[in-house]
Amino acid sequence: MPKQKTHKSTAKRFRVTGSGKVMRGKAFKSHILEKKSPKRKRNFRKETEIAACDVKVIKKNLGLG
Protein backbone atom coordinates (compact mmCIF):
# COMPACT_ATOMS: atom_id res chain seq x y z
CA MET A 1 0.00 0.00 0.00
CA PRO A 2 1.23 3.51 -0.75
CA LYS A 3 1.58 5.98 2.09
CA GLN A 4 -1.29 8.35 2.82
CA LYS A 5 -0.35 11.94 2.03
CA THR A 6 -1.26 14.95 4.18
CA HIS A 7 -3.04 17.73 2.26
CA LYS A 8 -0.52 20.49 3.00
CA SER A 9 -2.80 23.51 2.57
CA THR A 10 -5.24 21.93 5.04
CA ALA A 11 -2.40 21.27 7.50
CA LYS A 12 -1.44 24.96 7.43
CA ARG A 13 -4.98 26.15 8.17
CA PHE A 14 -6.27 23.70 10.79
CA ARG A 15 -5.02 21.95 13.90
CA VAL A 16 -6.43 19.14 16.01
CA THR A 17 -6.55 19.46 19.79
CA GLY A 18 -5.76 16.66 22.22
CA SER A 19 -9.45 15.91 22.65
CA GLY A 20 -9.95 15.66 18.87
CA LYS A 21 -11.58 19.03 18.10
CA VAL A 22 -10.52 20.67 14.84
CA MET A 23 -9.63 24.35 15.29
CA ARG A 24 -9.32 27.13 12.72
CA GLY A 25 -8.24 30.77 12.73
CA LYS A 26 -10.78 33.53 12.28
CA ALA A 27 -11.42 35.49 9.10
CA PHE A 28 -11.65 39.30 8.56
CA LYS A 29 -8.49 40.17 10.52
CA SER A 30 -6.02 41.14 7.82
CA HIS A 31 -7.07 44.57 6.49
CA ILE A 32 -9.66 47.36 6.80
CA LEU A 33 -9.05 47.25 10.57
CA GLU A 34 -9.60 50.95 11.27
CA LYS A 35 -13.38 50.69 11.42
CA LYS A 36 -13.38 47.53 13.57
CA SER A 37 -13.52 47.92 17.33
CA PRO A 38 -10.55 46.88 19.50
CA LYS A 39 -12.69 44.20 21.16
CA ARG A 40 -13.62 42.73 17.79
CA LYS A 41 -9.99 42.75 16.61
CA ARG A 42 -8.88 41.09 19.86
CA ASN A 43 -11.40 38.29 19.30
CA PHE A 44 -9.99 37.63 15.82
CA ARG A 45 -6.79 36.37 17.51
CA LYS A 46 -8.60 33.42 19.06
CA GLU A 47 -9.13 30.12 17.33
CA THR A 48 -12.57 28.62 16.97
CA GLU A 49 -13.92 25.13 16.37
CA ILE A 50 -14.97 24.24 12.82
CA ALA A 51 -18.55 23.30 11.95
CA ALA A 52 -19.50 19.69 12.70
CA CYS A 53 -20.39 19.00 9.07
CA ASP A 54 -16.80 19.78 7.96
CA VAL A 55 -14.92 17.69 10.54
CA LYS A 56 -14.91 14.43 8.56
CA VAL A 57 -13.38 15.95 5.41
CA ILE A 58 -10.77 18.02 7.28
CA LYS A 59 -9.61 15.06 9.38
CA LYS A 60 -9.34 12.93 6.24
CA ASN A 61 -7.20 15.60 4.57
CA LEU A 62 -4.98 15.73 7.67
CA GLY A 63 -4.50 11.96 7.50
CA LEU A 64 -6.48 11.23 10.67
CA GLY A 65 -9.25 9.09 9.34
PDB file of N, CA and C in Angstrom:
ATOM      1  N   MET A   1       0.835  -1.200   0.000  1.00  0.00           N
ATOM      2  CA  MET A   1       0.000   0.000   0.000  1.00  0.00           C
ATOM      3  C   MET A   1       0.873   1.254   0.000  1.00  0.00           C
ATOM      4  N   PRO A   2       0.481   2.252  -0.799  1.00  0.00           N
ATOM      5  CA  PRO A   2       1.227   3.510  -0.751  1.00  0.00           C
ATOM      6  C   PRO A   2       0.902   4.284   0.536  1.00  0.00           C
ATOM      7  N   LYS A   3       1.806   5.173   0.891  1.00  0.00           N
ATOM      8  CA  LYS A   3       1.582   5.981   2.089  1.00  0.00           C
ATOM      9  C   LYS A   3       0.449   6.977   1.838  1.00  0.00           C
ATOM     10  N   GLN A   4      -0.248   7.331   2.912  1.00  0.00           N
ATOM     11  CA  GLN A   4      -1.293   8.346   2.818  1.00  0.00           C
ATOM     12  C   GLN A   4      -0.645   9.716   2.943  1.00  0.00           C
ATOM     13  N   LYS A   5      -0.967  10.617   2.040  1.00  0.00           N
ATOM     14  CA  LYS A   5      -0.355  11.940   2.035  1.00  0.00           C
ATOM     15  C   LYS A   5      -1.226  12.940   2.798  1.00  0.00           C
ATOM     16  N   THR A   6      -0.567  13.847   3.518  1.00  0.00           N
ATOM     17  CA  THR A   6      -1.259  14.951   4.175  1.00  0.00           C
ATOM     18  C   THR A   6      -1.516  16.044   3.148  1.00  0.00           C
ATOM     19  N   HIS A   7      -2.713  16.592   3.142  1.00  0.00           N
ATOM     20  CA  HIS A   7      -3.035  17.729   2.263  1.00  0.00           C
ATOM     21  C   HIS A   7      -2.427  18.963   2.916  1.00  0.00           C
ATOM     22  N   LYS A   8      -1.347  19.493   2.322  1.00  0.00           N
ATOM     23  CA  LYS A   8      -0.524  20.493   3.001  1.00  0.00           C
ATOM     24  C   LYS A   8      -1.239  21.827   3.239  1.00  0.00           C
ATOM     25  N   SER A   9      -2.106  22.245   2.333  1.00  0.00           N
ATOM     26  CA  SER A   9      -2.803  23.512   2.573  1.00  0.00           C
ATOM     27  C   SER A   9      -3.784  23.379   3.728  1.00  0.00           C
ATOM     28  N   THR A  10      -4.357  22.178   3.896  1.00  0.00           N
ATOM     29  CA  THR A  10      -5.242  21.933   5.044  1.00  0.00           C
ATOM     30  C   THR A  10      -4.432  21.945   6.333  1.00  0.00           C
ATOM     31  N   ALA A  11      -3.254  21.343   6.308  1.00  0.00           N
ATOM     32  CA  ALA A  11      -2.399  21.268   7.500  1.00  0.00           C
ATOM     33  C   ALA A  11      -1.974  22.652   7.982  1.00  0.00           C
ATOM     34  N   LYS A  12      -1.833  23.602   7.055  1.00  0.00           N
ATOM     35  CA  LYS A  12      -1.436  24.961   7.431  1.00  0.00           C
ATOM     36  C   LYS A  12      -2.587  25.755   8.044  1.00  0.00           C
ATOM     37  N   ARG A  13      -3.822  25.366   7.744  1.00  0.00           N
ATOM     38  CA  ARG A  13      -4.984  26.149   8.174  1.00  0.00           C
ATOM     39  C   ARG A  13      -5.699  25.602   9.407  1.00  0.00           C
ATOM     40  N   PHE A  14      -5.533  24.330   9.696  1.00  0.00           N
ATOM     41  CA  PHE A  14      -6.273  23.700  10.791  1.00  0.00           C
ATOM     42  C   PHE A  14      -5.333  22.948  11.717  1.00  0.00           C
ATOM     43  N   ARG A  15      -5.748  22.804  12.989  1.00  0.00           N
ATOM     44  CA  ARG A  15      -5.015  21.946  13.904  1.00  0.00           C
ATOM     45  C   ARG A  15      -6.011  21.149  14.735  1.00  0.00           C
ATOM     46  N   VAL A  16      -5.572  20.009  15.218  1.00  0.00           N
ATOM     47  CA  VAL A  16      -6.427  19.136  16.013  1.00  0.00           C
ATOM     48  C   VAL A  16      -5.950  19.193  17.455  1.00  0.00           C
ATOM     49  N   THR A  17      -6.888  19.403  18.377  1.00  0.00           N
ATOM     50  CA  THR A  17      -6.551  19.459  19.794  1.00  0.00           C
ATOM     51  C   THR A  17      -6.381  18.048  20.336  1.00  0.00           C
ATOM     52  N   GLY A  18      -5.939  17.956  21.569  1.00  0.00           N
ATOM     53  CA  GLY A  18      -5.757  16.662  22.216  1.00  0.00           C
ATOM     54  C   GLY A  18      -7.045  15.882  22.339  1.00  0.00           C
ATOM     55  N   SER A  19      -8.156  16.594  22.507  1.00  0.00           N
ATOM     56  CA  SER A  19      -9.452  15.914  22.646  1.00  0.00           C
ATOM     57  C   SER A  19     -10.096  15.607  21.295  1.00  0.00           C
ATOM     58  N   GLY A  20      -9.442  16.014  20.194  1.00  0.00           N
ATOM     59  CA  GLY A  20      -9.949  15.664  18.872  1.00  0.00           C
ATOM     60  C   GLY A  20     -10.734  16.746  18.158  1.00  0.00           C
ATOM     61  N   LYS A  21     -10.889  17.927  18.787  1.00  0.00           N
ATOM     62  CA  LYS A  21     -11.577  19.026  18.098  1.00  0.00           C
ATOM     63  C   LYS A  21     -10.678  19.581  17.005  1.00  0.00           C
ATOM     64  N   VAL A  22     -11.290  20.047  15.912  1.00  0.00           N
ATOM     65  CA  VAL A  22     -10.524  20.672  14.835  1.00  0.00           C
ATOM     66  C   VAL A  22     -10.718  22.181  14.940  1.00  0.00           C
ATOM     67  N   MET A  23      -9.590  22.911  15.080  1.00  0.00           N
ATOM     68  CA  MET A  23      -9.632  24.352  15.289  1.00  0.00           C
ATOM     69  C   MET A  23      -9.154  25.088  14.035  1.00  0.00           C
ATOM     70  N   ARG A  24      -9.700  26.295  13.846  1.00  0.00           N
ATOM     71  CA  ARG A  24      -9.316  27.131  12.715  1.00  0.00           C
ATOM     72  C   ARG A  24      -9.126  28.564  13.200  1.00  0.00           C
ATOM     73  N   GLY A  25      -8.373  29.349  12.441  1.00  0.00           N
ATOM     74  CA  GLY A  25      -8.245  30.771  12.726  1.00  0.00           C
ATOM     75  C   GLY A  25      -9.466  31.518  12.232  1.00  0.00           C
ATOM     76  N   LYS A  26      -9.621  32.736  12.690  1.00  0.00           N
ATOM     77  CA  LYS A  26     -10.782  33.525  12.278  1.00  0.00           C
ATOM     78  C   LYS A  26     -10.485  34.349  11.032  1.00  0.00           C
ATOM     79  N   ALA A  27     -11.529  34.669  10.307  1.00  0.00           N
ATOM     80  CA  ALA A  27     -11.419  35.486   9.095  1.00  0.00           C
ATOM     81  C   ALA A  27     -11.597  36.969   9.445  1.00  0.00           C
ATOM     82  N   PHE A  28     -11.407  37.844   8.466  1.00  0.00           N
ATOM     83  CA  PHE A  28     -11.651  39.296   8.556  1.00  0.00           C
ATOM     84  C   PHE A  28     -10.650  40.040   9.435  1.00  0.00           C
ATOM     85  N   LYS A  29      -9.432  39.514   9.623  1.00  0.00           N
ATOM     86  CA  LYS A  29      -8.492  40.172  10.524  1.00  0.00           C
ATOM     87  C   LYS A  29      -7.275  40.771   9.828  1.00  0.00           C
ATOM     88  N   SER A  30      -7.253  40.752   8.495  1.00  0.00           N
ATOM     89  CA  SER A  30      -6.022  41.143   7.819  1.00  0.00           C
ATOM     90  C   SER A  30      -5.974  42.595   7.342  1.00  0.00           C
ATOM     91  N   HIS A  31      -7.091  43.179   6.963  1.00  0.00           N
ATOM     92  CA  HIS A  31      -7.066  44.566   6.489  1.00  0.00           C
ATOM     93  C   HIS A  31      -8.414  45.221   6.753  1.00  0.00           C
ATOM     94  N   ILE A  32      -8.489  46.533   6.470  1.00  0.00           N
ATOM     95  CA  ILE A  32      -9.656  47.363   6.804  1.00  0.00           C
ATOM     96  C   ILE A  32      -9.954  47.241   8.305  1.00  0.00           C
ATOM     97  N   LEU A  33      -8.913  47.445   9.129  1.00  0.00           N
ATOM     98  CA  LEU A  33      -9.045  47.251  10.572  1.00  0.00           C
ATOM     99  C   LEU A  33      -9.435  48.532  11.304  1.00  0.00           C
ATOM    100  N   GLU A  34      -9.350  49.669  10.620  1.00  0.00           N
ATOM    101  CA  GLU A  34      -9.596  50.949  11.273  1.00  0.00           C
ATOM    102  C   GLU A  34     -11.027  51.072  11.792  1.00  0.00           C
ATOM    103  N   LYS A  35     -11.975  50.553  11.026  1.00  0.00           N
ATOM    104  CA  LYS A  35     -13.382  50.686  11.415  1.00  0.00           C
ATOM    105  C   LYS A  35     -13.846  49.611  12.401  1.00  0.00           C
ATOM    106  N   LYS A  36     -13.003  48.612  12.650  1.00  0.00           N
ATOM    107  CA  LYS A  36     -13.376  47.530  13.570  1.00  0.00           C
ATOM    108  C   LYS A  36     -12.955  47.896  14.988  1.00  0.00           C
ATOM    109  N   SER A  37     -13.797  47.557  15.952  1.00  0.00           N
ATOM    110  CA  SER A  37     -13.518  47.923  17.334  1.00  0.00           C
ATOM    111  C   SER A  37     -12.359  47.094  17.888  1.00  0.00           C
ATOM    112  N   PRO A  38     -11.649  47.626  18.895  1.00  0.00           N
ATOM    113  CA  PRO A  38     -10.550  46.876  19.503  1.00  0.00           C
ATOM    114  C   PRO A  38     -10.992  45.517  20.048  1.00  0.00           C
ATOM    115  N   LYS A  39     -12.178  45.469  20.619  1.00  0.00           N
ATOM    116  CA  LYS A  39     -12.695  44.203  21.159  1.00  0.00           C
ATOM    117  C   LYS A  39     -12.862  43.167  20.049  1.00  0.00           C
ATOM    118  N   ARG A  40     -13.403  43.623  18.925  1.00  0.00           N
ATOM    119  CA  ARG A  40     -13.615  42.733  17.786  1.00  0.00           C
ATOM    120  C   ARG A  40     -12.283  42.225  17.237  1.00  0.00           C
ATOM    121  N   LYS A  41     -11.309  43.135  17.114  1.00  0.00           N
ATOM    122  CA  LYS A  41      -9.994  42.749  16.608  1.00  0.00           C
ATOM    123  C   LYS A  41      -9.294  41.784  17.554  1.00  0.00           C
ATOM    124  N   ARG A  42      -9.469  41.979  18.844  1.00  0.00           N
ATOM    125  CA  ARG A  42      -8.884  41.087  19.857  1.00  0.00           C
ATOM    126  C   ARG A  42      -9.450  39.677  19.716  1.00  0.00           C
ATOM    127  N   ASN A  43     -10.749  39.599  19.449  1.00  0.00           N
ATOM    128  CA  ASN A  43     -11.403  38.294  19.305  1.00  0.00           C
ATOM    129  C   ASN A  43     -10.986  37.554  18.037  1.00  0.00           C
ATOM    130  N   PHE A  44     -10.487  38.285  17.033  1.00  0.00           N
ATOM    131  CA  PHE A  44      -9.991  37.634  15.823  1.00  0.00           C
ATOM    132  C   PHE A  44      -8.740  36.797  16.105  1.00  0.00           C
ATOM    133  N   ARG A  45      -8.021  37.108  17.184  1.00  0.00           N
ATOM    134  CA  ARG A  45      -6.794  36.369  17.509  1.00  0.00           C
ATOM    135  C   ARG A  45      -7.082  34.947  17.960  1.00  0.00           C
ATOM    136  N   LYS A  46      -8.258  34.730  18.523  1.00  0.00           N
ATOM    137  CA  LYS A  46      -8.596  33.416  19.063  1.00  0.00           C
ATOM    138  C   LYS A  46      -8.928  32.427  17.956  1.00  0.00           C
ATOM    139  N   GLU A  47      -8.710  31.160  18.255  1.00  0.00           N
ATOM    140  CA  GLU A  47      -9.132  30.115  17.328  1.00  0.00           C
ATOM    141  C   GLU A  47     -10.550  29.705  17.680  1.00  0.00           C
ATOM    142  N   THR A  48     -11.221  29.098  16.722  1.00  0.00           N
ATOM    143  CA  THR A  48     -12.569  28.618  16.969  1.00  0.00           C
ATOM    144  C   THR A  48     -12.724  27.231  16.353  1.00  0.00           C
ATOM    145  N   GLU A  49     -13.688  26.491  16.852  1.00  0.00           N
ATOM    146  CA  GLU A  49     -13.916  25.130  16.368  1.00  0.00           C
ATOM    147  C   GLU A  49     -14.634  25.176  15.016  1.00  0.00           C
ATOM    148  N   ILE A  50     -14.302  24.242  14.128  1.00  0.00           N
ATOM    149  CA  ILE A  50     -14.974  24.240  12.823  1.00  0.00           C
ATOM    150  C   ILE A  50     -16.352  23.599  12.951  1.00  0.00           C
ATOM    151  N   ALA A  51     -17.192  23.833  11.959  1.00  0.00           N
ATOM    152  CA  ALA A  51     -18.553  23.297  11.954  1.00  0.00           C
ATOM    153  C   ALA A  51     -18.512  21.768  11.918  1.00  0.00           C
ATOM    154  N   ALA A  52     -19.456  21.150  12.580  1.00  0.00           N
ATOM    155  CA  ALA A  52     -19.498  19.692  12.698  1.00  0.00           C
ATOM    156  C   ALA A  52     -19.574  18.995  11.343  1.00  0.00           C
ATOM    157  N   CYS A  53     -20.238  19.625  10.385  1.00  0.00           N
ATOM    158  CA  CYS A  53     -20.395  19.002   9.068  1.00  0.00           C
ATOM    159  C   CYS A  53     -19.085  18.939   8.290  1.00  0.00           C
ATOM    160  N   ASP A  54     -18.082  19.742   8.670  1.00  0.00           N
ATOM    161  CA  ASP A  54     -16.805  19.779   7.955  1.00  0.00           C
ATOM    162  C   ASP A  54     -15.723  18.899   8.584  1.00  0.00           C
ATOM    163  N   VAL A  55     -15.950  18.409   9.786  1.00  0.00           N
ATOM    164  CA  VAL A  55     -14.923  17.693  10.537  1.00  0.00           C
ATOM    165  C   VAL A  55     -14.408  16.466   9.786  1.00  0.00           C
ATOM    166  N   LYS A  56     -15.296  15.687   9.224  1.00  0.00           N
ATOM    167  CA  LYS A  56     -14.912  14.432   8.563  1.00  0.00           C
ATOM    168  C   LYS A  56     -13.929  14.677   7.411  1.00  0.00           C
ATOM    169  N   VAL A  57     -14.216  15.662   6.572  1.00  0.00           N
ATOM    170  CA  VAL A  57     -13.379  15.949   5.410  1.00  0.00           C
ATOM    171  C   VAL A  57     -12.015  16.504   5.850  1.00  0.00           C
ATOM    172  N   ILE A  58     -12.019  17.415   6.829  1.00  0.00           N
ATOM    173  CA  ILE A  58     -10.771  18.019   7.281  1.00  0.00           C
ATOM    174  C   ILE A  58      -9.867  16.965   7.905  1.00  0.00           C
ATOM    175  N   LYS A  59     -10.427  16.104   8.746  1.00  0.00           N
ATOM    176  CA  LYS A  59      -9.613  15.055   9.378  1.00  0.00           C
ATOM    177  C   LYS A  59      -9.055  14.081   8.333  1.00  0.00           C
ATOM    178  N   LYS A  60      -9.821  13.799   7.309  1.00  0.00           N
ATOM    179  CA  LYS A  60      -9.343  12.926   6.237  1.00  0.00           C
ATOM    180  C   LYS A  60      -8.161  13.569   5.516  1.00  0.00           C
ATOM    181  N   ASN A  61      -8.270  14.874   5.235  1.00  0.00           N
ATOM    182  CA  ASN A  61      -7.195  15.603   4.572  1.00  0.00           C
ATOM    183  C   ASN A  61      -5.921  15.690   5.437  1.00  0.00           C
ATOM    184  N   LEU A  62      -6.117  15.678   6.762  1.00  0.00           N
ATOM    185  CA  LEU A  62      -4.979  15.732   7.666  1.00  0.00           C
ATOM    186  C   LEU A  62      -4.372  14.351   7.892  1.00  0.00           C
ATOM    187  N   GLY A  63      -5.012  13.321   7.343  1.00  0.00           N
ATOM    188  CA  GLY A  63      -4.498  11.964   7.500  1.00  0.00           C
ATOM    189  C   GLY A  63      -4.893  11.322   8.804  1.00  0.00           C
ATOM    190  N   LEU A  64      -6.030  11.747   9.367  1.00  0.00           N
ATOM    191  CA  LEU A  64      -6.478  11.227  10.667  1.00  0.00           C
ATOM    192  C   LEU A  64      -7.752  10.395  10.569  1.00  0.00           C
ATOM    193  N   GLY A  65      -8.074   9.928   9.396  1.00  0.00           N
ATOM    194  CA  GLY A  65      -9.251   9.086   9.345  1.00  0.00           C
ATOM    195  C   GLY A  65     -10.033   9.333   8.125  1.00  0.00           C
TER     196      GLY A  65
END
